[in-house]
N, C-alpha and C. Protein backbone atom coordinates (compact mmCIF):
# COMPACT_ATOMS: atom_id res chain seq x y z
N MET A 1 29.11 90.00 206.73
CA MET A 1 29.18 91.55 206.77
C MET A 1 29.69 92.09 205.59
N ASN A 2 29.00 92.80 204.83
CA ASN A 2 29.43 93.34 203.53
C ASN A 2 29.13 94.90 203.26
N ILE A 3 29.93 95.63 204.11
CA ILE A 3 29.68 97.02 203.89
C ILE A 3 30.76 97.62 203.38
N MET A 4 30.71 98.62 202.45
CA MET A 4 31.37 99.48 201.70
C MET A 4 31.70 100.65 202.38
N MET A 5 32.72 101.19 202.96
CA MET A 5 32.76 102.11 203.73
C MET A 5 32.68 103.57 202.68
N ASP A 6 31.80 104.55 203.18
CA ASP A 6 31.55 105.44 202.50
C ASP A 6 32.32 106.89 202.97
N ASP A 7 33.27 107.37 202.09
CA ASP A 7 34.05 108.47 202.77
C ASP A 7 33.29 109.82 203.14
N SER A 8 32.19 110.01 202.77
CA SER A 8 31.33 111.25 203.12
C SER A 8 30.71 111.17 204.28
N ARG A 9 30.77 110.02 205.12
CA ARG A 9 29.92 109.58 206.30
C ARG A 9 30.82 109.16 207.30
N PRO A 10 30.50 109.40 208.59
CA PRO A 10 31.53 109.07 209.56
C PRO A 10 31.29 107.61 209.63
N ILE A 11 32.51 106.82 209.83
CA ILE A 11 32.73 105.27 210.05
C ILE A 11 31.78 104.86 211.02
N PHE A 12 32.02 105.34 212.24
CA PHE A 12 31.18 104.95 213.57
C PHE A 12 29.48 104.82 213.27
N ILE A 13 28.99 105.77 212.35
CA ILE A 13 27.65 105.89 211.87
C ILE A 13 27.35 104.69 210.98
N GLN A 14 28.43 104.44 209.97
CA GLN A 14 28.15 103.21 209.06
C GLN A 14 28.20 101.92 209.86
N ILE A 15 28.98 102.01 210.84
CA ILE A 15 29.23 100.53 211.59
C ILE A 15 27.78 100.42 212.40
N ALA A 16 27.22 101.36 212.88
CA ALA A 16 25.99 101.34 213.53
C ALA A 16 24.79 100.98 212.62
N GLU A 17 24.91 101.56 211.32
CA GLU A 17 23.76 101.24 210.46
C GLU A 17 24.03 99.89 209.84
N GLN A 18 25.13 99.41 209.73
CA GLN A 18 25.28 97.85 209.26
C GLN A 18 24.70 97.05 210.41
N ILE A 19 24.96 97.15 211.62
CA ILE A 19 24.47 96.30 212.59
C ILE A 19 22.98 96.58 212.78
N GLU A 20 22.36 97.74 212.57
CA GLU A 20 20.86 97.88 212.36
C GLU A 20 20.45 97.10 211.17
N ASP A 21 21.05 97.11 210.10
CA ASP A 21 20.58 96.68 208.90
C ASP A 21 20.59 95.02 209.09
N GLU A 22 21.52 94.42 209.72
CA GLU A 22 21.60 93.08 210.06
C GLU A 22 20.49 92.75 210.95
N ILE A 23 20.03 93.54 211.71
CA ILE A 23 19.04 93.17 212.92
C ILE A 23 17.65 93.30 211.98
N ILE A 24 17.53 94.17 211.37
CA ILE A 24 16.17 94.41 210.29
C ILE A 24 16.31 93.07 209.42
N GLU A 25 17.34 92.84 208.77
CA GLU A 25 17.46 91.53 207.85
C GLU A 25 17.18 90.31 208.43
N GLY A 26 17.22 90.01 209.98
CA GLY A 26 17.20 88.87 210.81
C GLY A 26 18.75 88.17 210.67
N VAL A 27 19.71 88.81 210.12
CA VAL A 27 21.02 88.19 210.27
C VAL A 27 21.46 88.14 211.82
N LEU A 28 21.21 89.13 212.33
CA LEU A 28 21.07 89.33 213.91
C LEU A 28 19.87 89.18 214.53
N SER A 29 19.90 88.29 215.33
CA SER A 29 18.39 88.21 216.25
C SER A 29 18.70 88.61 217.31
N GLU A 30 17.46 88.82 218.28
CA GLU A 30 17.57 89.24 219.46
C GLU A 30 18.37 88.26 220.47
N GLU A 31 19.07 88.76 221.21
CA GLU A 31 19.98 87.96 222.17
C GLU A 31 21.39 87.44 221.64
N SER A 32 21.40 87.58 220.20
CA SER A 32 22.60 87.09 219.71
C SER A 32 23.81 87.95 219.79
N GLN A 33 24.79 87.69 219.78
CA GLN A 33 26.18 88.37 220.06
C GLN A 33 26.55 89.06 218.81
N VAL A 34 26.95 90.44 218.86
CA VAL A 34 27.63 90.98 217.75
C VAL A 34 29.05 91.06 217.89
N LEU A 35 29.77 91.48 216.84
CA LEU A 35 31.21 91.57 216.76
C LEU A 35 31.74 92.44 217.91
N SER A 36 32.94 92.09 218.32
CA SER A 36 33.40 92.97 219.27
C SER A 36 33.90 94.37 218.58
N THR A 37 34.26 95.38 219.51
CA THR A 37 34.79 96.50 218.71
C THR A 37 36.04 96.30 218.18
N ASN A 38 36.85 95.30 218.95
CA ASN A 38 38.11 95.10 218.25
C ASN A 38 38.18 94.28 217.02
N GLN A 39 37.09 93.50 216.94
CA GLN A 39 36.67 92.70 215.78
C GLN A 39 36.37 93.59 214.44
N PHE A 40 35.68 94.60 214.83
CA PHE A 40 35.08 95.78 213.89
C PHE A 40 36.34 96.50 213.65
N ALA A 41 37.35 96.87 214.47
CA ALA A 41 38.46 97.66 214.17
C ALA A 41 39.42 96.89 213.29
N ALA A 42 39.60 95.69 213.52
CA ALA A 42 40.66 94.74 212.63
C ALA A 42 39.90 94.51 211.38
N PHE A 43 38.70 94.32 211.24
CA PHE A 43 37.83 94.09 209.92
C PHE A 43 38.02 95.46 208.96
N TYR A 44 37.69 96.47 209.53
CA TYR A 44 37.60 97.75 208.70
C TYR A 44 39.03 98.56 208.71
N LYS A 45 40.01 97.93 209.56
CA LYS A 45 41.31 98.79 209.69
C LYS A 45 41.14 100.20 210.20
N ILE A 46 40.27 100.10 211.45
CA ILE A 46 39.98 101.39 211.84
C ILE A 46 40.49 101.41 213.43
N ASN A 47 40.34 102.63 213.99
CA ASN A 47 40.85 102.65 215.50
C ASN A 47 39.63 101.95 216.45
N PRO A 48 40.00 101.12 217.35
CA PRO A 48 39.10 100.60 218.17
C PRO A 48 38.08 101.73 218.71
N ALA A 49 38.44 102.72 219.12
CA ALA A 49 37.68 103.68 219.71
C ALA A 49 36.36 104.08 218.70
N THR A 50 36.94 104.06 217.54
CA THR A 50 35.85 104.58 216.53
C THR A 50 35.02 103.59 216.34
N ALA A 51 35.24 102.32 216.26
CA ALA A 51 34.29 101.11 216.38
C ALA A 51 33.45 101.27 217.64
N ALA A 52 33.97 101.50 218.63
CA ALA A 52 33.39 101.36 219.89
C ALA A 52 32.27 102.62 219.77
N LYS A 53 32.63 103.81 219.32
CA LYS A 53 31.48 104.81 219.15
C LYS A 53 30.44 104.40 218.48
N GLY A 54 30.40 103.70 217.39
CA GLY A 54 29.18 103.11 216.56
C GLY A 54 28.46 102.17 217.57
N VAL A 55 29.20 101.35 218.10
CA VAL A 55 28.44 100.33 219.03
C VAL A 55 27.71 100.80 220.15
N ASN A 56 28.52 101.73 220.99
CA ASN A 56 27.93 102.52 222.14
C ASN A 56 26.79 103.11 221.75
N MET A 57 26.68 103.84 220.39
CA MET A 57 25.50 104.74 220.11
C MET A 57 24.51 103.82 220.22
N LEU A 58 24.47 102.69 219.60
CA LEU A 58 23.52 101.58 219.69
C LEU A 58 23.02 100.93 221.12
N VAL A 59 24.04 101.09 221.85
CA VAL A 59 23.80 100.84 223.44
C VAL A 59 22.85 101.82 224.01
N ASP A 60 23.08 102.88 223.76
CA ASP A 60 22.60 104.19 224.19
C ASP A 60 21.10 104.24 223.87
N GLU A 61 20.96 103.61 222.68
CA GLU A 61 19.67 103.49 222.15
C GLU A 61 18.73 102.44 222.59
N GLY A 62 19.36 101.54 223.25
CA GLY A 62 18.67 100.26 223.93
C GLY A 62 18.59 99.30 222.69
N ILE A 63 19.45 99.38 221.62
CA ILE A 63 19.41 98.28 220.41
C ILE A 63 20.33 97.04 221.00
N LEU A 64 21.64 97.61 221.44
CA LEU A 64 22.39 96.49 221.91
C LEU A 64 22.70 96.74 223.40
N TYR A 65 23.18 95.51 224.02
CA TYR A 65 23.48 95.79 225.60
C TYR A 65 24.66 94.97 225.79
N LYS A 66 25.52 95.30 226.88
CA LYS A 66 26.73 94.77 227.34
C LYS A 66 26.44 93.69 228.38
N LYS A 67 27.16 92.54 228.20
CA LYS A 67 27.35 91.40 229.26
C LYS A 67 28.79 91.74 229.57
N ARG A 68 28.83 92.10 230.80
CA ARG A 68 30.21 92.41 231.15
C ARG A 68 31.06 91.25 230.97
N GLY A 69 32.33 91.44 230.30
CA GLY A 69 33.26 90.54 230.18
C GLY A 69 33.03 89.52 228.98
N ILE A 70 31.77 89.52 228.62
CA ILE A 70 31.43 88.59 227.35
C ILE A 70 31.29 89.33 226.27
N GLY A 71 30.57 90.35 226.14
CA GLY A 71 30.64 91.14 224.84
C GLY A 71 29.14 91.84 224.60
N MET A 72 28.98 92.31 223.39
CA MET A 72 27.77 92.94 223.03
C MET A 72 26.74 91.97 222.46
N PHE A 73 25.24 92.17 222.91
CA PHE A 73 24.27 91.38 222.43
C PHE A 73 23.04 92.45 222.01
N VAL A 74 22.36 91.75 221.01
CA VAL A 74 21.19 92.37 220.46
C VAL A 74 20.07 92.51 221.62
N ALA A 75 19.58 93.52 221.92
CA ALA A 75 18.49 93.50 222.75
C ALA A 75 17.21 92.98 222.37
N GLU A 76 16.36 92.71 223.43
CA GLU A 76 15.03 92.24 223.15
C GLU A 76 14.33 93.36 222.55
N GLY A 77 13.62 93.42 221.67
CA GLY A 77 12.66 94.27 220.86
C GLY A 77 13.45 95.30 220.06
N ALA A 78 14.76 94.85 219.87
CA ALA A 78 15.64 95.84 219.11
C ALA A 78 15.10 96.04 217.66
N ARG A 79 14.77 95.08 216.95
CA ARG A 79 14.13 95.15 215.58
C ARG A 79 13.30 96.12 215.33
N ALA A 80 12.22 96.02 216.34
CA ALA A 80 11.12 96.90 216.42
C ALA A 80 11.48 98.27 216.54
N LYS A 81 12.71 98.45 217.39
CA LYS A 81 13.22 99.89 217.72
C LYS A 81 13.81 100.43 216.53
N VAL A 82 14.50 99.33 215.92
CA VAL A 82 15.49 99.88 214.66
C VAL A 82 14.52 100.30 213.43
N ILE A 83 13.32 99.40 213.32
CA ILE A 83 12.44 99.78 212.51
C ILE A 83 11.57 101.14 212.45
N GLU A 84 11.20 101.56 213.82
CA GLU A 84 10.56 102.57 214.02
C GLU A 84 11.57 103.88 213.91
N LYS A 85 12.83 103.72 214.11
CA LYS A 85 13.82 104.81 214.20
C LYS A 85 13.91 105.20 212.55
N ARG A 86 14.07 103.99 211.83
CA ARG A 86 14.19 104.12 210.30
C ARG A 86 13.11 104.72 209.85
N LYS A 87 12.08 104.57 210.19
CA LYS A 87 10.71 104.94 209.51
C LYS A 87 10.58 106.57 209.83
N GLU A 88 11.10 106.90 211.02
CA GLU A 88 11.03 108.21 211.31
C GLU A 88 12.15 108.89 210.43
N GLN A 89 13.27 108.38 210.38
CA GLN A 89 14.35 108.99 209.60
C GLN A 89 13.88 109.23 208.03
N PHE A 90 13.23 108.01 207.74
CA PHE A 90 12.67 108.09 206.10
C PHE A 90 11.69 109.22 206.02
N PHE A 91 10.82 109.29 206.94
CA PHE A 91 9.77 110.50 206.94
C PHE A 91 10.65 111.85 206.68
N GLU A 92 11.46 112.00 207.69
CA GLU A 92 12.33 113.37 207.83
C GLU A 92 13.06 113.55 206.51
N GLU A 93 13.82 112.53 206.18
CA GLU A 93 14.57 112.63 204.88
C GLU A 93 14.07 112.53 203.55
N TYR A 94 12.96 111.92 203.57
CA TYR A 94 12.35 111.76 202.27
C TYR A 94 11.16 112.46 201.97
N VAL A 95 10.17 112.10 203.02
CA VAL A 95 8.86 112.71 202.83
C VAL A 95 8.51 114.11 202.99
N VAL A 96 9.05 114.58 203.92
CA VAL A 96 9.13 116.05 204.21
C VAL A 96 9.96 116.84 203.02
N THR A 97 10.94 116.31 202.44
CA THR A 97 11.64 116.82 201.45
C THR A 97 10.72 116.98 200.22
N MET A 98 10.16 115.72 199.91
CA MET A 98 9.16 115.56 198.83
C MET A 98 8.13 116.56 198.87
N VAL A 99 7.43 116.53 200.10
CA VAL A 99 6.26 117.37 200.04
C VAL A 99 6.73 118.73 199.83
N ARG A 100 7.66 119.33 200.55
CA ARG A 100 8.26 120.61 200.24
C ARG A 100 8.44 120.98 198.85
N GLU A 101 9.15 120.08 198.08
CA GLU A 101 9.51 120.21 196.60
C GLU A 101 8.13 120.01 195.95
N ALA A 102 7.15 119.45 196.11
CA ALA A 102 6.03 119.31 195.48
C ALA A 102 5.17 120.70 195.62
N LYS A 103 5.17 121.18 196.93
CA LYS A 103 4.46 122.38 197.15
C LYS A 103 5.07 123.38 196.22
N LYS A 104 6.55 123.48 196.15
CA LYS A 104 7.21 124.50 195.26
C LYS A 104 6.71 124.33 193.72
N LEU A 105 6.63 123.19 193.49
CA LEU A 105 6.09 122.99 191.99
C LEU A 105 4.73 122.86 191.76
N GLY A 106 4.05 123.16 192.63
CA GLY A 106 2.56 123.28 192.52
C GLY A 106 1.65 122.04 192.31
N ILE A 107 2.52 120.91 192.99
CA ILE A 107 1.88 119.77 192.69
C ILE A 107 1.01 119.39 193.85
N SER A 108 -0.43 119.10 193.69
CA SER A 108 -1.42 118.75 194.69
C SER A 108 -0.93 117.54 195.47
N ALA A 109 -1.83 117.35 196.58
CA ALA A 109 -1.56 115.91 197.13
C ALA A 109 -2.06 114.79 196.35
N GLU A 110 -3.07 115.09 195.65
CA GLU A 110 -3.90 114.03 194.70
C GLU A 110 -2.82 113.77 193.55
N GLN A 111 -2.30 114.54 193.02
CA GLN A 111 -1.04 114.52 192.12
C GLN A 111 0.01 113.65 192.58
N LEU A 112 0.51 114.26 193.76
CA LEU A 112 1.64 113.43 194.40
C LEU A 112 1.10 111.94 194.63
N THR A 113 0.18 111.70 195.12
CA THR A 113 -0.24 110.29 195.56
C THR A 113 -0.17 109.51 194.40
N ASP A 114 -0.63 110.16 193.21
CA ASP A 114 -0.77 109.20 191.92
C ASP A 114 0.79 109.19 191.33
N MET A 115 1.74 110.12 191.73
CA MET A 115 3.02 109.79 191.44
C MET A 115 3.55 108.71 192.32
N ILE A 116 3.28 108.54 193.39
CA ILE A 116 3.75 107.74 194.48
C ILE A 116 3.26 106.28 193.84
N ARG A 117 1.93 106.33 193.55
CA ARG A 117 1.26 104.72 193.06
C ARG A 117 2.01 104.54 191.79
N ARG A 118 2.22 105.34 190.95
CA ARG A 118 3.23 104.99 189.68
C ARG A 118 4.43 104.66 190.10
N GLY A 119 5.05 105.20 191.14
CA GLY A 119 6.36 104.65 191.50
C GLY A 119 6.44 103.25 192.08
N GLU A 120 5.38 102.75 192.33
CA GLU A 120 5.29 101.50 192.91
C GLU A 120 5.58 100.40 191.84
N ASN A 121 5.46 100.71 190.73
CA ASN A 121 5.58 99.92 189.43
C ASN A 121 7.04 99.97 189.04
N VAL A 122 7.92 100.57 189.72
CA VAL A 122 9.31 100.88 189.16
C VAL A 122 10.09 99.56 189.50
């Protein structure tokens, strides 16, 4: 786990995103156990309630599930859910913003497509 805390964003969201990243990258596989909220709290020197908020957010989304008295585990199908969620976020945060800016600048869809293709070589 190698997360640098970003003061501009809530810590609980960063913890949830770190877990998601590890699921996407295959570090955490389906049915594997994740750190406890107390372990997250100790590692990041934060309140356990803050860590729990990030973990519970993923439980609410069906990405993690609780085994009573044992801990939190990665749900079956979690990787696909996280990827779908991230694709939607990517669309909203980047594509919509890019298309709006392109329209303001008079960039056609064809020109925008060419720019994207050019960017593939970066």
